[in-house]
N, C-alpha and C. Protein backbone atom coordinates (compact mmCIF):
# COMPACT_ATOMS: atom_id res chain seq x y z
N MET A 1 1.13 -13.16 -23.78
CA MET A 1 0.59 -12.66 -22.66
C MET A 1 1.52 -11.38 -22.12
N THR A 2 0.58 -10.44 -21.46
CA THR A 2 1.76 -9.29 -20.96
C THR A 2 1.95 -9.41 -19.64
N TYR A 3 2.94 -9.05 -19.17
CA TYR A 3 3.53 -9.25 -17.66
C TYR A 3 3.95 -7.75 -17.28
N LEU A 4 3.33 -7.51 -16.13
CA LEU A 4 3.45 -6.10 -15.38
C LEU A 4 4.30 -6.40 -14.48
N TRP A 5 5.52 -5.67 -14.17
CA TRP A 5 6.36 -5.74 -13.16
C TRP A 5 5.83 -4.70 -11.97
N THR A 6 5.41 -5.41 -10.77
CA THR A 6 4.90 -4.47 -9.69
C THR A 6 5.49 -5.03 -8.57
N PRO A 7 6.88 -4.78 -8.27
CA PRO A 7 7.69 -5.46 -7.04
C PRO A 7 7.11 -4.85 -5.65
N TRP A 8 6.32 -3.73 -5.79
CA TRP A 8 5.93 -3.24 -4.48
C TRP A 8 4.89 -4.00 -3.89
N ARG A 9 4.30 -4.89 -4.97
CA ARG A 9 2.77 -5.65 -4.28
C ARG A 9 3.60 -6.68 -3.50
N SER A 10 4.74 -7.35 -3.76
CA SER A 10 5.22 -8.33 -2.79
C SER A 10 5.44 -7.93 -1.45
N THR A 11 5.86 -6.52 -1.30
CA THR A 11 6.27 -6.04 -0.10
C THR A 11 5.02 -5.97 0.68
N TYR A 12 3.94 -5.46 0.14
CA TYR A 12 2.73 -5.17 0.55
C TYR A 12 2.07 -6.61 1.12
N MET A 13 2.21 -7.50 0.25
CA MET A 13 1.50 -8.89 0.46
C MET A 13 2.33 -9.53 1.70
N LYS A 14 3.58 -9.40 1.75
CA LYS A 14 4.40 -10.01 2.68
C LYS A 14 4.18 -9.04 4.20
N ALA A 15 3.98 -7.90 4.06
CA ALA A 15 3.73 -7.00 5.26
C ALA A 15 2.25 -7.43 5.70
N LYS A 16 1.34 -7.55 4.85
CA LYS A 16 0.03 -7.82 5.41
C LYS A 16 -0.07 -9.12 6.07
N LYS A 17 0.84 -10.23 5.67
CA LYS A 17 0.72 -11.29 6.40
C LYS A 17 1.50 -11.41 7.54
N GLU A 18 2.57 -10.61 7.75
CA GLU A 18 3.29 -10.34 8.95
C GLU A 18 2.95 -9.47 9.89
N GLN A 19 2.03 -8.59 9.47
CA GLN A 19 1.25 -7.45 10.26
C GLN A 19 0.49 -8.13 11.55
N SER A 20 0.93 -7.87 12.70
CA SER A 20 0.33 -8.39 13.87
C SER A 20 -0.41 -7.31 14.36
N ARG A 21 -0.13 -5.97 14.11
CA ARG A 21 -0.83 -4.74 14.76
C ARG A 21 -1.65 -4.03 13.59
N CYS A 22 -2.73 -3.37 14.10
CA CYS A 22 -3.44 -2.76 13.13
C CYS A 22 -2.50 -1.33 12.64
N ILE A 23 -2.43 -1.29 11.33
CA ILE A 23 -1.76 -0.06 10.76
C ILE A 23 -2.23 1.18 11.35
N PHE A 24 -3.62 1.44 11.52
CA PHE A 24 -4.15 2.63 12.06
C PHE A 24 -3.66 2.90 13.44
N CYS A 25 -3.62 1.90 14.28
CA CYS A 25 -3.27 1.92 15.65
C CYS A 25 -1.58 2.19 15.73
N VAL A 26 -0.85 1.76 14.88
CA VAL A 26 0.58 1.96 15.02
C VAL A 26 0.61 3.43 14.49
N ALA A 27 0.00 4.06 13.64
CA ALA A 27 0.24 5.25 13.10
C ALA A 27 -0.11 6.20 14.24
N ALA A 28 -1.44 5.88 14.71
CA ALA A 28 -1.85 6.75 15.83
C ALA A 28 -1.13 6.79 16.95
N ALA A 29 -0.24 5.84 17.46
CA ALA A 29 0.63 5.72 18.40
C ALA A 29 2.05 6.23 18.35
N GLU A 30 2.31 6.56 17.16
CA GLU A 30 3.61 7.15 16.93
C GLU A 30 3.53 8.45 16.24
N PRO A 31 3.18 9.57 16.85
CA PRO A 31 3.17 10.89 16.36
C PRO A 31 4.78 11.47 15.68
N GLU A 32 5.65 10.96 16.46
CA GLU A 32 7.22 11.27 16.06
C GLU A 32 7.47 10.63 14.65
N ARG A 33 6.65 9.72 14.12
CA ARG A 33 6.91 9.09 12.72
C ARG A 33 5.70 9.36 11.61
N ASP A 34 5.23 10.58 12.00
CA ASP A 34 4.10 10.85 10.89
C ASP A 34 4.59 10.65 9.66
N GLU A 35 5.59 11.24 9.17
CA GLU A 35 6.13 11.33 7.76
C GLU A 35 6.39 9.81 7.22
N GLU A 36 7.05 8.84 8.17
CA GLU A 36 7.08 7.57 7.65
C GLU A 36 5.68 6.75 7.57
N ASN A 37 4.98 7.08 8.65
CA ASN A 37 3.66 6.60 8.51
C ASN A 37 2.62 6.95 7.70
N LEU A 38 2.94 8.02 6.90
CA LEU A 38 2.12 9.03 6.03
C LEU A 38 1.00 9.63 6.39
N VAL A 39 1.05 10.14 7.98
CA VAL A 39 0.06 10.76 8.52
C VAL A 39 0.09 12.24 7.98
N VAL A 40 -0.84 12.73 7.53
CA VAL A 40 -0.69 14.14 6.89
C VAL A 40 -1.48 15.03 8.10
N PHE A 41 -2.28 14.83 8.73
CA PHE A 41 -3.02 15.56 9.80
C PHE A 41 -3.30 14.88 11.01
N ARG A 42 -3.29 15.43 12.17
CA ARG A 42 -3.93 14.81 13.43
C ARG A 42 -4.95 15.92 14.01
N GLY A 43 -5.93 15.24 14.25
CA GLY A 43 -7.13 16.14 15.03
C GLY A 43 -7.34 15.63 16.40
N SER A 44 -8.42 15.87 17.02
CA SER A 44 -8.54 15.54 18.61
C SER A 44 -8.87 13.92 18.69
N SER A 45 -9.65 13.52 17.90
CA SER A 45 -9.94 11.94 17.92
C SER A 45 -9.91 11.18 16.48
N VAL A 46 -9.40 12.04 15.63
CA VAL A 46 -9.16 11.24 14.25
C VAL A 46 -8.00 11.87 13.58
N PHE A 47 -7.50 11.25 12.54
CA PHE A 47 -6.33 11.68 11.89
C PHE A 47 -6.50 11.34 10.32
N ALA A 48 -5.70 11.91 9.44
CA ALA A 48 -5.74 11.72 7.96
C ALA A 48 -4.37 11.03 7.62
N ILE A 49 -4.41 10.00 6.98
CA ILE A 49 -3.05 9.25 6.79
C ILE A 49 -3.44 8.83 5.03
N LEU A 50 -2.33 8.86 4.25
CA LEU A 50 -2.25 8.39 3.06
C LEU A 50 -2.28 6.80 2.87
N ASN A 51 -3.09 6.43 1.72
CA ASN A 51 -3.08 5.08 1.48
C ASN A 51 -1.75 4.76 1.05
N ARG A 52 -0.98 3.80 1.39
CA ARG A 52 0.46 3.59 1.00
C ARG A 52 0.41 2.75 -0.45
N TYR A 53 -0.82 2.04 -0.56
CA TYR A 53 -1.17 1.60 -2.06
C TYR A 53 -2.31 2.23 -2.65
N PRO A 54 -2.50 3.40 -2.87
CA PRO A 54 -3.45 4.11 -3.49
C PRO A 54 -4.11 3.68 -4.84
N TYR A 55 -5.57 4.00 -5.00
CA TYR A 55 -6.02 3.96 -6.00
C TYR A 55 -5.73 4.89 -6.90
N THR A 56 -5.52 6.26 -6.61
CA THR A 56 -5.22 7.22 -7.33
C THR A 56 -4.41 8.23 -6.42
N SER A 57 -3.63 9.15 -7.05
CA SER A 57 -2.70 9.94 -6.41
C SER A 57 -3.74 10.99 -5.42
N GLY A 58 -3.29 11.27 -4.26
CA GLY A 58 -4.01 11.72 -3.15
C GLY A 58 -4.90 11.08 -2.36
N HIS A 59 -5.02 9.84 -2.58
CA HIS A 59 -5.74 8.81 -1.76
C HIS A 59 -5.56 8.82 -0.31
N LEU A 60 -6.63 9.47 0.37
CA LEU A 60 -6.39 9.63 1.86
C LEU A 60 -7.47 8.61 2.72
N MET A 61 -7.22 8.26 3.94
CA MET A 61 -8.08 7.66 4.63
C MET A 61 -8.09 8.38 6.04
N ILE A 62 -9.36 8.51 6.49
CA ILE A 62 -9.46 9.15 7.76
C ILE A 62 -9.86 8.11 8.96
N ALA A 63 -9.18 8.16 9.98
CA ALA A 63 -9.61 7.02 10.85
C ALA A 63 -9.69 7.82 12.23
N PRO A 64 -10.23 6.93 13.15
CA PRO A 64 -10.27 7.34 14.77
C PRO A 64 -8.95 7.00 15.32
N TYR A 65 -8.51 7.46 16.48
CA TYR A 65 -7.44 6.85 16.96
C TYR A 65 -7.97 5.53 17.74
N GLU A 66 -9.23 5.62 18.24
CA GLU A 66 -9.78 4.43 18.80
C GLU A 66 -9.98 3.23 17.84
N HIS A 67 -9.76 1.98 18.36
CA HIS A 67 -9.86 1.06 17.60
C HIS A 67 -11.02 0.23 17.52
N ILE A 68 -11.92 0.60 16.62
CA ILE A 68 -13.18 0.14 16.68
C ILE A 68 -13.70 -0.15 15.07
N ALA A 69 -14.37 -1.29 15.12
CA ALA A 69 -14.70 -1.97 13.64
C ALA A 69 -15.98 -1.35 13.14
N ARG A 70 -16.79 -0.73 13.85
CA ARG A 70 -18.03 -0.29 13.30
C ARG A 70 -18.42 1.24 13.70
N LEU A 71 -18.88 1.97 12.58
CA LEU A 71 -19.13 3.26 12.90
C LEU A 71 -20.13 3.75 13.90
N ALA A 72 -21.20 2.71 14.15
CA ALA A 72 -21.96 2.85 15.30
C ALA A 72 -21.42 2.93 16.57
N SER A 73 -20.04 2.37 16.55
CA SER A 73 -19.17 2.23 17.86
C SER A 73 -18.66 3.62 18.33
N ALA A 74 -18.44 4.36 17.33
CA ALA A 74 -17.78 5.65 17.54
C ALA A 74 -18.62 6.60 18.36
N THR A 75 -17.97 7.24 19.22
CA THR A 75 -18.79 8.43 20.01
C THR A 75 -19.14 9.58 18.94
N GLU A 76 -20.31 10.16 19.55
CA GLU A 76 -20.85 11.26 18.56
C GLU A 76 -19.64 12.24 18.27
N GLU A 77 -18.84 12.60 19.13
CA GLU A 77 -17.69 13.58 19.05
C GLU A 77 -16.77 12.92 17.90
N THR A 78 -16.38 11.78 18.09
CA THR A 78 -15.35 11.28 16.75
C THR A 78 -16.34 11.03 15.57
N GLY A 79 -17.39 10.74 15.46
CA GLY A 79 -18.19 10.67 14.15
C GLY A 79 -18.27 11.88 13.63
N ALA A 80 -18.45 13.02 14.38
CA ALA A 80 -18.68 14.47 14.00
C ALA A 80 -17.22 14.94 13.37
N GLU A 81 -16.15 14.59 14.26
CA GLU A 81 -14.90 15.04 13.66
C GLU A 81 -14.40 14.32 12.53
N MET A 82 -14.82 13.14 12.36
CA MET A 82 -14.52 12.31 11.04
C MET A 82 -15.27 13.01 9.82
N MET A 83 -16.41 13.47 10.15
CA MET A 83 -17.01 14.25 8.94
C MET A 83 -16.56 15.35 8.62
N ARG A 84 -16.22 16.30 9.62
CA ARG A 84 -15.67 17.41 9.57
C ARG A 84 -14.29 17.29 8.72
N LEU A 85 -13.40 16.42 9.03
CA LEU A 85 -12.06 16.31 8.35
C LEU A 85 -12.23 15.77 6.98
N THR A 86 -13.33 14.83 6.77
CA THR A 86 -13.61 14.50 5.57
C THR A 86 -14.10 15.48 4.54
N ARG A 87 -14.88 16.55 5.20
CA ARG A 87 -15.32 17.60 4.41
C ARG A 87 -13.94 18.75 4.21
N ARG A 88 -13.08 18.77 5.04
CA ARG A 88 -11.79 19.59 4.83
C ARG A 88 -11.06 18.82 4.02
N ALA A 89 -10.78 17.60 3.72
CA ALA A 89 -10.12 16.75 3.03
C ALA A 89 -10.68 16.98 1.49
N GLU A 90 -11.97 17.03 1.19
CA GLU A 90 -12.55 17.24 0.11
C GLU A 90 -12.00 18.65 -0.38
N VAL A 91 -11.86 19.75 0.21
CA VAL A 91 -11.64 20.93 -0.19
C VAL A 91 -10.10 20.97 -0.52
N ILE A 92 -9.33 20.36 0.34
CA ILE A 92 -7.82 20.24 0.11
C ILE A 92 -7.35 19.45 -1.15
N LEU A 93 -8.26 18.25 -1.32
CA LEU A 93 -7.86 17.46 -2.49
C LEU A 93 -8.31 18.34 -3.82
N GLN A 94 -9.44 19.14 -3.66
CA GLN A 94 -9.80 19.72 -4.90
C GLN A 94 -8.90 20.81 -5.27
N ARG A 95 -8.43 21.50 -4.33
CA ARG A 95 -7.29 22.44 -4.54
C ARG A 95 -6.00 21.78 -4.98
N ALA A 96 -5.58 20.73 -4.38
CA ALA A 96 -4.50 20.26 -4.98
C ALA A 96 -4.35 19.51 -6.05
N TYR A 97 -5.35 18.84 -6.37
CA TYR A 97 -5.45 17.91 -7.77
C TYR A 97 -6.37 18.60 -8.81
N GLN A 98 -7.25 19.36 -8.60
CA GLN A 98 -8.32 19.72 -9.37
C GLN A 98 -9.07 18.69 -10.03
N PRO A 99 -9.33 17.64 -9.37
CA PRO A 99 -10.13 16.35 -9.98
C PRO A 99 -11.53 16.49 -10.62
N ASP A 100 -12.09 15.83 -11.26
CA ASP A 100 -13.48 15.73 -11.84
C ASP A 100 -14.48 15.52 -10.82
N GLY A 101 -13.94 14.81 -9.97
CA GLY A 101 -14.89 13.94 -8.79
C GLY A 101 -13.96 13.61 -7.70
N LEU A 102 -14.81 13.21 -6.61
CA LEU A 102 -14.14 12.35 -5.44
C LEU A 102 -15.03 11.30 -5.14
N ASN A 103 -14.21 10.35 -4.44
CA ASN A 103 -14.92 9.18 -3.89
C ASN A 103 -14.81 9.18 -2.47
N LEU A 104 -15.93 9.06 -1.82
CA LEU A 104 -15.87 9.09 -0.31
C LEU A 104 -16.49 7.73 0.09
N GLY A 105 -16.05 7.03 1.02
CA GLY A 105 -16.58 5.60 1.11
C GLY A 105 -16.01 4.90 2.49
N MET A 106 -16.80 4.28 3.04
CA MET A 106 -16.37 3.36 4.22
C MET A 106 -16.85 2.09 4.07
N ASN A 107 -15.98 0.81 4.09
CA ASN A 107 -16.54 -0.49 3.97
C ASN A 107 -16.33 -0.95 5.22
N LEU A 108 -17.57 -1.40 5.59
CA LEU A 108 -17.72 -2.24 7.14
C LEU A 108 -17.93 -3.55 6.86
N GLY A 109 -16.76 -4.55 7.42
CA GLY A 109 -16.81 -5.85 7.10
C GLY A 109 -16.29 -6.34 5.90
N ARG A 110 -15.66 -7.43 5.91
CA ARG A 110 -14.80 -8.00 4.69
C ARG A 110 -15.80 -8.26 3.52
N ALA A 111 -17.15 -8.65 3.62
CA ALA A 111 -18.17 -8.72 2.83
C ALA A 111 -18.36 -7.45 1.94
N ALA A 112 -18.19 -6.40 2.73
CA ALA A 112 -18.26 -5.01 1.87
C ALA A 112 -17.46 -4.48 1.35
N GLY A 113 -15.93 -5.28 1.53
CA GLY A 113 -14.58 -4.90 0.91
C GLY A 113 -13.66 -4.38 1.84
N ALA A 114 -13.99 -4.29 3.15
CA ALA A 114 -12.93 -3.79 3.88
C ALA A 114 -11.68 -4.52 3.86
N GLY A 115 -10.53 -3.91 3.59
CA GLY A 115 -9.17 -4.60 3.69
C GLY A 115 -8.83 -4.75 5.05
N ILE A 116 -9.14 -3.60 5.74
CA ILE A 116 -8.74 -3.74 7.36
C ILE A 116 -10.18 -3.51 8.00
N GLU A 117 -10.72 -4.46 8.33
CA GLU A 117 -12.11 -4.49 8.80
C GLU A 117 -12.25 -4.22 10.42
N GLU A 118 -11.09 -4.40 11.01
CA GLU A 118 -11.29 -4.16 12.70
C GLU A 118 -11.03 -2.77 12.91
N HIS A 119 -10.75 -1.79 12.11
CA HIS A 119 -10.59 -0.21 12.26
C HIS A 119 -11.12 0.42 11.32
N ILE A 120 -12.26 0.96 11.56
CA ILE A 120 -12.99 1.88 10.64
C ILE A 120 -12.12 3.03 9.98
N HIS A 121 -12.28 3.21 8.94
CA HIS A 121 -11.62 4.39 8.31
C HIS A 121 -12.50 4.82 6.94
N MET A 122 -12.44 6.15 6.80
CA MET A 122 -13.07 6.93 5.44
C MET A 122 -12.09 6.93 4.51
N HIS A 123 -12.30 6.37 3.36
CA HIS A 123 -11.35 6.87 2.11
C HIS A 123 -12.07 8.16 1.54
N VAL A 124 -11.20 8.86 1.14
CA VAL A 124 -11.29 10.18 0.32
C VAL A 124 -10.17 10.26 -0.82
N LEU A 125 -10.70 10.07 -1.99
CA LEU A 125 -9.80 9.97 -3.19
C LEU A 125 -10.40 10.69 -4.45
N PRO A 126 -9.45 11.57 -5.00
CA PRO A 126 -9.85 12.28 -6.01
C PRO A 126 -9.95 11.38 -7.37
N ARG A 127 -10.97 11.68 -8.22
CA ARG A 127 -10.99 10.84 -9.51
C ARG A 127 -11.23 11.77 -10.81
N TRP A 128 -10.64 11.30 -11.69
CA TRP A 128 -10.65 12.05 -13.07
C TRP A 128 -11.56 11.19 -14.01
N SER A 129 -12.16 11.89 -14.98
CA SER A 129 -12.74 11.09 -15.94
C SER A 129 -11.69 10.29 -16.85
N GLY A 130 -12.24 9.07 -17.13
CA GLY A 130 -11.26 8.18 -17.73
C GLY A 130 -10.11 7.78 -16.88
N ASP A 131 -10.11 7.67 -15.49
CA ASP A 131 -9.13 7.05 -14.76
C ASP A 131 -9.20 5.61 -14.74
N ALA A 132 -10.20 5.00 -14.85
CA ALA A 132 -10.42 3.75 -15.13
C ALA A 132 -10.10 3.09 -16.42
N ASN A 133 -9.03 3.38 -16.63
CA ASN A 133 -8.60 3.04 -18.26
C ASN A 133 -8.36 1.56 -18.35
N PHE A 134 -7.82 1.32 -19.67
CA PHE A 134 -7.51 -0.10 -20.13
C PHE A 134 -6.58 -0.89 -18.96
N MET A 135 -5.62 -0.12 -18.25
CA MET A 135 -4.80 -0.80 -17.49
C MET A 135 -5.58 -1.37 -16.20
N THR A 136 -6.55 -0.81 -15.85
CA THR A 136 -7.20 -1.11 -14.73
C THR A 136 -8.14 -2.20 -15.10
N SER A 137 -9.00 -1.96 -16.15
CA SER A 137 -9.91 -2.97 -16.46
C SER A 137 -9.50 -4.28 -17.22
N VAL A 138 -8.28 -4.22 -18.10
CA VAL A 138 -7.64 -5.16 -18.93
C VAL A 138 -6.44 -5.82 -17.93
N GLY A 139 -5.60 -5.03 -17.63
CA GLY A 139 -4.25 -5.42 -16.99
C GLY A 139 -4.49 -5.62 -15.57
N ASN A 140 -5.45 -5.43 -14.85
CA ASN A 140 -5.57 -5.47 -13.50
C ASN A 140 -4.58 -4.79 -12.70
N ALA A 141 -4.35 -3.48 -13.38
CA ALA A 141 -3.06 -2.62 -12.64
C ALA A 141 -3.39 -1.12 -12.91
N ARG A 142 -2.96 -0.41 -11.68
CA ARG A 142 -3.22 0.88 -11.73
C ARG A 142 -1.93 1.74 -11.99
N LEU A 143 -2.07 2.94 -12.60
CA LEU A 143 -0.94 3.69 -12.88
C LEU A 143 -1.23 4.94 -11.92
N ILE A 144 -0.27 4.95 -11.10
CA ILE A 144 -0.05 6.14 -10.09
C ILE A 144 1.09 7.08 -10.63
N PRO A 145 0.67 8.45 -10.95
CA PRO A 145 1.73 9.30 -11.44
C PRO A 145 2.57 10.16 -10.83
N GLU A 146 2.28 9.84 -9.27
CA GLU A 146 3.17 10.82 -8.56
C GLU A 146 3.69 9.90 -7.21
N ALA A 147 4.99 10.36 -6.84
CA ALA A 147 5.30 9.53 -5.81
C ALA A 147 4.75 9.76 -4.43
N LEU A 148 4.59 8.84 -3.33
CA LEU A 148 3.92 9.02 -2.18
C LEU A 148 4.80 10.32 -1.55
N GLU A 149 6.03 10.45 -1.76
CA GLU A 149 6.57 11.65 -0.90
C GLU A 149 6.11 12.85 -1.33
N GLU A 150 5.83 13.00 -2.62
CA GLU A 150 5.27 14.28 -3.33
C GLU A 150 3.99 14.48 -2.72
N THR A 151 3.11 13.42 -2.85
CA THR A 151 1.63 13.35 -2.41
C THR A 151 1.75 13.95 -0.73
N TYR A 152 2.77 13.10 -0.23
CA TYR A 152 2.66 13.55 1.22
C TYR A 152 2.80 15.04 1.55
N ALA A 153 3.93 15.61 0.80
CA ALA A 153 4.32 17.04 1.01
C ALA A 153 3.07 17.90 0.58
N LYS A 154 2.53 17.74 -0.52
CA LYS A 154 1.39 18.42 -1.00
C LYS A 154 0.36 18.48 -0.07
N LEU A 155 -0.08 17.35 0.37
CA LEU A 155 -1.13 17.16 1.32
C LEU A 155 -0.93 17.81 2.72
N ARG A 156 0.20 17.42 3.25
CA ARG A 156 0.64 18.05 4.51
C ARG A 156 0.55 19.36 4.56
N ASP A 157 1.09 20.06 3.47
CA ASP A 157 0.99 21.58 3.45
C ASP A 157 -0.51 21.97 3.32
N GLY A 158 -1.37 21.20 2.52
CA GLY A 158 -2.74 21.72 2.45
C GLY A 158 -3.31 21.66 3.83
N PHE A 159 -3.16 20.61 4.51
CA PHE A 159 -3.60 20.40 5.88
C PHE A 159 -3.06 21.47 7.01
N SER A 160 -1.78 21.91 6.79
CA SER A 160 -1.16 22.70 7.60
C SER A 160 -1.44 24.32 7.34
N ALA A 161 -2.22 24.45 6.31
CA ALA A 161 -2.65 25.90 5.95
C ALA A 161 -3.97 26.16 7.01
N ARG A 162 -4.09 27.46 7.33
CA ARG A 162 -5.19 27.87 8.53
C ARG A 162 -6.42 27.17 8.02
N GLN A 163 -6.93 26.59 9.34
CA GLN A 163 -8.27 25.67 9.12
C GLN A 163 -9.30 26.61 8.34
N SER A 164 -9.29 27.80 8.52
CA SER A 164 -10.53 28.68 7.94
C SER A 164 -10.49 28.70 6.64
N GLU A 165 -9.32 28.53 5.88
CA GLU A 165 -9.21 28.38 4.45
C GLU A 165 -9.56 27.37 3.85
N ALA A 166 -9.92 26.06 4.52
CA ALA A 166 -10.09 24.72 4.09
C ALA A 166 -11.65 24.56 4.42
């Protein structure tokens, strides 16, 4: 039997059990801690944040500041800004990582796979041919080749570039 050492998972599982506040609401309320909270961009009604436990390098989530569980509950303005930021993230991720494709998705409710079902968020993540390799399918583990700090710097710079470029 093969054992994979992933000590970061225990931190995640412990934090998830102890988490009394929504991670998106915490990040939204603390602009002075954007780097610590991994927020790479703030808009008028939505923001982009790195997934702390990504599927791939560059895995972003776009969430509204408002704590809502359903997309239908979002205002027209919030829904439109969410899609504009998703489109911008597509361009930035393409430039930063040159992936073979991108996944965009929102899981509404636990049955749909939502890890945080009480606060909607759009996943935007780069994908490469063959990135679902044997480690994922056999070892039930993912290999992330880039540190979160490097991803943060790369994507923060991408979002900081003039909006007309993205």
